[in-house]
C-alpha atoms as a PDB file:
ATOM      1  CA  MET A   1      64.161  22.753  37.124  1.00  0.00           C
ATOM      2  CA  PRO A   2      61.836  20.413  38.772  1.00  0.00           C
ATOM      3  CA  GLU A   3      59.315  18.772  36.513  1.00  0.00           C
ATOM      4  CA  SER A   4      56.392  20.219  38.516  1.00  0.00           C
ATOM      5  CA  ALA A   5      57.536  23.691  38.224  1.00  0.00           C
ATOM      6  CA  SER A   6      57.508  23.652  34.374  1.00  0.00           C
ATOM      7  CA  ARG A   7      53.617  23.020  34.476  1.00  0.00           C
ATOM      8  CA  ILE A   8      51.223  26.135  34.614  1.00  0.00           C
ATOM      9  CA  ALA A   9      49.056  25.930  37.456  1.00  0.00           C
ATOM     10  CA  ARG A  10      45.352  25.825  36.170  1.00  0.00           C
ATOM     11  CA  PRO A  11      42.196  26.548  38.229  1.00  0.00           C
ATOM     12  CA  PRO A  12      40.590  23.216  39.419  1.00  0.00           C
ATOM     13  CA  TRP A  13      37.313  24.202  37.483  1.00  0.00           C
ATOM     14  CA  SER A  14      39.052  24.556  34.263  1.00  0.00           C
ATOM     15  CA  ARG A  15      38.844  20.675  33.577  1.00  0.00           C
ATOM     16  CA  ILE A  16      35.173  20.683  34.375  1.00  0.00           C
ATOM     17  CA  VAL A  17      34.735  23.721  31.889  1.00  0.00           C
ATOM     18  CA  PHE A  18      36.649  21.949  29.066  1.00  0.00           C
ATOM     19  CA  VAL A  19      34.768  18.637  29.589  1.00  0.00           C
ATOM     20  CA  ALA A  20      31.339  20.518  29.453  1.00  0.00           C
ATOM     21  CA  LEU A  21      32.240  22.252  26.297  1.00  0.00           C
ATOM     22  CA  ALA A  22      33.564  19.122  24.607  1.00  0.00           C
ATOM     23  CA  VAL A  23      30.310  17.308  25.471  1.00  0.00           C
ATOM     24  CA  LEU A  24      28.292  20.240  24.164  1.00  0.00           C
ATOM     25  CA  VAL A  25      30.173  20.244  21.062  1.00  0.00           C
ATOM     26  CA  ILE A  26      29.846  16.345  20.548  1.00  0.00           C
ATOM     27  CA  VAL A  27      26.003  16.511  21.242  1.00  0.00           C
ATOM     28  CA  SER A  28      25.559  19.462  18.871  1.00  0.00           C
ATOM     29  CA  VAL A  29      27.303  17.578  16.052  1.00  0.00           C
ATOM     30  CA  MET A  30      25.217  14.543  16.810  1.00  0.00           C
ATOM     31  CA  GLU A  31      21.923  16.537  16.782  1.00  0.00           C
ATOM     32  CA  TRP A  32      23.099  18.091  13.438  1.00  0.00           C
ATOM     33  CA  TRP A  33      24.099  14.952  11.930  1.00  0.00           C
ATOM     34  CA  SER A  34      21.025  13.207  12.630  1.00  0.00           C
ATOM     35  CA  ASP A  35      18.503  16.045  11.976  1.00  0.00           C
ATOM     36  CA  ASP A  36      16.021  14.597   9.563  1.00  0.00           C
ATOM     37  CA  ARG A  37      13.349  17.247   9.952  1.00  0.00           C
ATOM     38  CA  GLY A  38      11.640  18.164   6.683  1.00  0.00           C
ATOM     39  CA  GLU A  39      12.704  15.046   4.744  1.00  0.00           C
ATOM     40  CA  MET A  40      10.073  12.677   3.158  1.00  0.00           C
ATOM     41  CA  HIS A  41      10.502   9.417   4.900  1.00  0.00           C
ATOM     42  CA  ALA A  42       9.540   5.867   4.321  1.00  0.00           C
ATOM     43  CA  VAL A  43       6.453   5.098   6.338  1.00  0.00           C
ATOM     44  CA  PRO A  44       7.651   3.745   9.816  1.00  0.00           C
ATOM     45  CA  GLU A  45       7.300   0.002  10.032  1.00  0.00           C
ATOM     46  CA  ALA A  46       4.961   0.338  13.126  1.00  0.00           C
ATOM     47  CA  VAL A  47       2.433   2.394  10.906  1.00  0.00           C
ATOM     48  CA  GLN A  48       2.669   0.456   7.774  1.00  0.00           C
ATOM     49  CA  GLY A  49      -0.820  -1.351   7.146  1.00  0.00           C
ATOM     50  CA  ALA A  50      -2.413   1.390   9.540  1.00  0.00           C
ATOM     51  CA  ALA A  51      -5.493   2.742   8.065  1.00  0.00           C
ATOM     52  CA  LEU A  52      -7.824   5.699   8.703  1.00  0.00           C
ATOM     53  CA  PRO A  53     -10.450   4.219  11.131  1.00  0.00           C
ATOM     54  CA  GLU A  54     -14.152   4.868  11.288  1.00  0.00           C
ATOM     55  CA  LEU A  55     -14.300   7.601  13.675  1.00  0.00           C
ATOM     56  CA  PHE A  56     -16.050  10.829  14.326  1.00  0.00           C
ATOM     57  CA  LEU A  57     -13.675  13.748  15.647  1.00  0.00           C
ATOM     58  CA  GLU A  58     -14.697  17.092  16.988  1.00  0.00           C
ATOM     59  CA  ARG A  59     -14.393  19.764  14.377  1.00  0.00           C
ATOM     60  CA  LEU A  60     -12.677  22.982  15.248  1.00  0.00           C
ATOM     61  CA  ASP A  61     -13.385  24.947  12.002  1.00  0.00           C
ATOM     62  CA  ALA A  62     -17.260  24.224  12.340  1.00  0.00           C
ATOM     63  CA  ALA A  63     -19.808  22.973  14.722  1.00  0.00           C
ATOM     64  CA  GLY A  64     -20.145  19.158  15.429  1.00  0.00           C
ATOM     65  CA  THR A  65     -18.063  16.272  14.132  1.00  0.00           C
ATOM     66  CA  PHE A  66     -16.415  14.971  11.344  1.00  0.00           C
ATOM     67  CA  ASP A  67     -16.593  11.319  10.101  1.00  0.00           C
ATOM     68  CA  LEU A  68     -13.255  10.376   8.877  1.00  0.00           C
ATOM     69  CA  GLY A  69     -15.128   7.790   6.737  1.00  0.00           C
ATOM     70  CA  GLU A  70     -15.792  10.617   4.308  1.00  0.00           C
ATOM     71  CA  LEU A  71     -12.223  10.847   3.161  1.00  0.00           C
ATOM     72  CA  ARG A  72     -12.226   7.154   2.071  1.00  0.00           C
ATOM     73  CA  GLY A  73     -11.697   6.508  -1.623  1.00  0.00           C
ATOM     74  CA  GLY A  74      -9.419   9.521  -2.089  1.00  0.00           C
ATOM     75  CA  MET A  75      -5.887  10.673  -1.445  1.00  0.00           C
ATOM     76  CA  VAL A  76      -5.759  12.439   1.744  1.00  0.00           C
ATOM     77  CA  LEU A  77      -3.043  14.814   3.060  1.00  0.00           C
ATOM     78  CA  VAL A  78      -3.250  14.894   6.841  1.00  0.00           C
ATOM     79  CA  ASP A  79      -1.392  17.503   8.822  1.00  0.00           C
ATOM     80  CA  PHE A  80      -0.827  17.124  12.410  1.00  0.00           C
ATOM     81  CA  TRP A  81      -0.100  20.345  14.174  1.00  0.00           C
ATOM     82  CA  SER A  82      -0.199  22.247  17.433  1.00  0.00           C
ATOM     83  CA  VAL A  83      -0.994  25.985  18.294  1.00  0.00           C
ATOM     84  CA  ASP A  84       2.401  26.325  20.135  1.00  0.00           C
ATOM     85  CA  CYS A  85       4.384  24.813  17.214  1.00  0.00           C
ATOM     86  CA  ARG A  86       6.098  27.626  15.369  1.00  0.00           C
ATOM     87  CA  PRO A  87       6.731  25.715  12.076  1.00  0.00           C
ATOM     88  CA  CYS A  88       3.322  24.646  12.060  1.00  0.00           C
ATOM     89  CA  ARG A  89       2.081  28.258  12.220  1.00  0.00           C
ATOM     90  CA  GLU A  90       4.725  29.394   9.701  1.00  0.00           C
ATOM     91  CA  SER A  91       3.782  26.571   7.088  1.00  0.00           C
ATOM     92  CA  ARG A  92      -0.046  26.930   7.511  1.00  0.00           C
ATOM     93  CA  PRO A  93      -0.678  29.300   4.630  1.00  0.00           C
ATOM     94  CA  TRP A  94       1.463  27.604   2.081  1.00  0.00           C
ATOM     95  CA  LEU A  95       0.438  24.142   3.093  1.00  0.00           C
ATOM     96  CA  ALA A  96      -3.173  25.083   2.828  1.00  0.00           C
ATOM     97  CA  SER A  97      -2.483  26.497  -0.562  1.00  0.00           C
ATOM     98  CA  VAL A  98      -0.702  23.539  -1.882  1.00  0.00           C
ATOM     99  CA  ALA A  99      -3.667  21.252  -0.770  1.00  0.00           C
ATOM    100  CA  ARG A 100      -6.163  23.683  -2.394  1.00  0.00           C
ATOM    101  CA  ARG A 101      -3.930  23.639  -5.691  1.00  0.00           C
ATOM    102  CA  LEU A 102      -3.744  19.806  -5.526  1.00  0.00           C
ATOM    103  CA  SER A 103      -7.482  19.293  -4.871  1.00  0.00           C
ATOM    104  CA  GLN A 104      -8.050  19.745  -8.465  1.00  0.00           C
ATOM    105  CA  ASP A 105      -6.151  16.371  -8.732  1.00  0.00           C
ATOM    106  CA  GLY A 106      -8.353  14.684  -6.222  1.00  0.00           C
ATOM    107  CA  LEU A 107      -6.442  15.367  -3.154  1.00  0.00           C
ATOM    108  CA  GLN A 108      -8.221  15.832   0.138  1.00  0.00           C
ATOM    109  CA  ALA A 109      -6.832  17.666   3.218  1.00  0.00           C
ATOM    110  CA  LEU A 110      -7.528  17.063   6.875  1.00  0.00           C
ATOM    111  CA  SER A 111      -5.847  19.227   9.481  1.00  0.00           C
ATOM    112  CA  VAL A 112      -5.505  17.663  12.858  1.00  0.00           C
ATOM    113  CA  ASN A 113      -4.816  19.464  16.030  1.00  0.00           C
ATOM    114  CA  THR A 114      -2.951  17.772  18.644  1.00  0.00           C
ATOM    115  CA  ASP A 115      -3.600  20.381  21.587  1.00  0.00           C
ATOM    116  CA  MET A 116      -5.890  19.151  24.348  1.00  0.00           C
ATOM    117  CA  GLN A 117      -7.297  22.744  24.577  1.00  0.00           C
ATOM    118  CA  PRO A 118     -10.187  22.965  22.199  1.00  0.00           C
ATOM    119  CA  ALA A 119     -11.073  26.502  22.779  1.00  0.00           C
ATOM    120  CA  ARG A 120      -7.520  27.793  22.371  1.00  0.00           C
ATOM    121  CA  ALA A 121      -7.193  25.836  19.109  1.00  0.00           C
ATOM    122  CA  ARG A 122     -10.699  27.030  17.812  1.00  0.00           C
ATOM    123  CA  ALA A 123      -9.594  30.558  18.337  1.00  0.00           C
ATOM    124  CA  TYR A 124      -6.466  29.910  16.242  1.00  0.00           C
ATOM    125  CA  VAL A 125      -8.374  28.154  13.539  1.00  0.00           C
ATOM    126  CA  GLU A 126     -10.538  31.066  13.228  1.00  0.00           C
ATOM    127  CA  ARG A 127      -7.571  33.354  12.209  1.00  0.00           C
ATOM    128  CA  ALA A 128      -5.532  30.863   9.840  1.00  0.00           C
ATOM    129  CA  ALA A 129      -5.982  29.491   6.410  1.00  0.00           C
ATOM    130  CA  TRP A 130      -7.161  25.943   6.005  1.00  0.00           C
ATOM    131  CA  ALA A 131      -7.988  23.469   3.269  1.00  0.00           C
ATOM    132  CA  GLY A 132     -10.476  20.774   4.304  1.00  0.00           C
ATOM    133  CA  PRO A 133     -11.908  20.059   7.738  1.00  0.00           C
ATOM    134  CA  VAL A 134      -9.888  20.804  10.868  1.00  0.00           C
ATOM    135  CA  VAL A 135     -10.454  18.397  13.717  1.00  0.00           C
ATOM    136  CA  LEU A 136      -9.301  17.915  17.176  1.00  0.00           C
ATOM    137  CA  ASP A 137      -7.424  14.591  18.060  1.00  0.00           C
ATOM    138  CA  GLU A 138      -7.294  13.373  21.494  1.00  0.00           C
ATOM    139  CA  GLY A 139      -4.433  10.997  20.611  1.00  0.00           C
ATOM    140  CA  ILE A 140      -6.309   8.394  18.736  1.00  0.00           C
ATOM    141  CA  LEU A 141      -4.967   9.306  15.331  1.00  0.00           C
ATOM    142  CA  GLY A 142      -1.447  10.522  16.449  1.00  0.00           C
ATOM    143  CA  ARG A 143      -0.894   6.827  18.159  1.00  0.00           C
ATOM    144  CA  LEU A 144      -2.411   4.905  15.162  1.00  0.00           C
ATOM    145  CA  PHE A 145      -0.038   6.842  12.667  1.00  0.00           C
ATOM    146  CA  GLY A 146       3.045   7.062  15.114  1.00  0.00           C
ATOM    147  CA  VAL A 147       3.018  10.876  15.248  1.00  0.00           C
ATOM    148  CA  ARG A 148       5.805  11.788  17.855  1.00  0.00           C
ATOM    149  CA  VAL A 149       6.595  15.498  16.781  1.00  0.00           C
ATOM    150  CA  VAL A 150       4.630  18.152  15.011  1.00  0.00           C
ATOM    151  CA  PRO A 151       4.477  19.070  12.251  1.00  0.00           C
ATOM    152  CA  THR A 152       4.008  15.687  11.003  1.00  0.00           C
ATOM    153  CA  VAL A 153       2.188  15.453   7.579  1.00  0.00           C
ATOM    154  CA  LEU A 154       1.017  12.052   5.954  1.00  0.00           C
ATOM    155  CA  LEU A 155      -0.229  11.175   2.547  1.00  0.00           C
ATOM    156  CA  LEU A 156      -2.756   8.453   2.701  1.00  0.00           C
ATOM    157  CA  ASP A 157      -3.833   6.354  -0.138  1.00  0.00           C
ATOM    158  CA  ARG A 158      -7.303   5.475  -1.253  1.00  0.00           C
ATOM    159  CA  GLU A 159      -7.790   2.878   1.403  1.00  0.00           C
ATOM    160  CA  GLY A 160      -6.570   5.297   4.191  1.00  0.00           C
ATOM    161  CA  ARG A 161      -3.065   3.886   4.514  1.00  0.00           C
ATOM    162  CA  PRO A 162       0.106   5.914   4.905  1.00  0.00           C
ATOM    163  CA  LEU A 163       2.014   6.347   1.535  1.00  0.00           C
ATOM    164  CA  ALA A 164       4.299   9.152   2.292  1.00  0.00           C
ATOM    165  CA  TYR A 165       5.406  10.537   5.775  1.00  0.00           C
ATOM    166  CA  TRP A 166       7.163  13.992   6.723  1.00  0.00           C
ATOM    167  CA  ARG A 167       8.386  14.621  10.107  1.00  0.00           C
ATOM    168  CA  GLY A 168       8.719  18.562   9.861  1.00  0.00           C
ATOM    169  CA  LEU A 169       8.129  20.273   6.623  1.00  0.00           C
ATOM    170  CA  PRO A 170      10.821  21.154   4.195  1.00  0.00           C
ATOM    171  CA  PRO A 171      10.424  24.625   2.239  1.00  0.00           C
ATOM    172  CA  GLN A 172       7.297  24.744   0.219  1.00  0.00           C
ATOM    173  CA  ARG A 173       8.646  23.984  -3.213  1.00  0.00           C
ATOM    174  CA  VAL A 174      10.505  20.869  -2.041  1.00  0.00           C
ATOM    175  CA  PHE A 175       7.381  19.730  -0.177  1.00  0.00           C
ATOM    176  CA  GLU A 176       5.237  20.134  -3.357  1.00  0.00           C
ATOM    177  CA  SER A 177       7.680  18.493  -5.435  1.00  0.00           C
ATOM    178  CA  GLN A 178       7.995  15.548  -3.093  1.00  0.00           C
ATOM    179  CA  LEU A 179       4.100  15.383  -2.751  1.00  0.00           C
ATOM    180  CA  ARG A 180       3.494  15.445  -6.362  1.00  0.00           C
ATOM    181  CA  ALA A 181       5.962  12.523  -6.996  1.00  0.00           C
ATOM    182  CA  ALA A 182       4.170  10.475  -4.054  1.00  0.00           C
ATOM    183  CA  LEU A 183       0.840  11.311  -5.768  1.00  0.00           C
ATOM    184  CA  ARG A 184       1.859   9.908  -9.219  1.00  0.00           C
ATOM    185  CA  PRO A 185       0.452   6.249  -9.883  1.00  0.00           C
END
């Protein structure tokens, strides 16, 4: 029997499908392997030493602006979020609750919206739970603190410098435990 007769004829597109599936599996495994959302991270090198600037930002929870200088001298939990971010919306109630509970220990909270649509963000702010001022960032704070994804949460020390950094949020109990550990002197 000739060698070519022993092979089963396959459609020409089958090799393309096989390669596409192989690439999809490899990319999925790499994404899963590198998925670090929700973990507390070391403060990125590019952000180390950055401090909360003297800046007035538009308030979304009240009229006027908010002076970031009012937060100096205390530990501050800064939450970067967007209206379109599902994890941001899901974590809103418990994040506000954790911040309110820890406010007894001197923790201040600042919620920073990264959307460029103040009216839409303001409408959402009216329906959700918050702890502390809610402001609109036009990119200044996000760039300063290296925020590339939302939700991102920072814990700032008394001088306004990042002490802890979360990209994404873990479950509430894990987050609260990590936050309490970061708050310890």
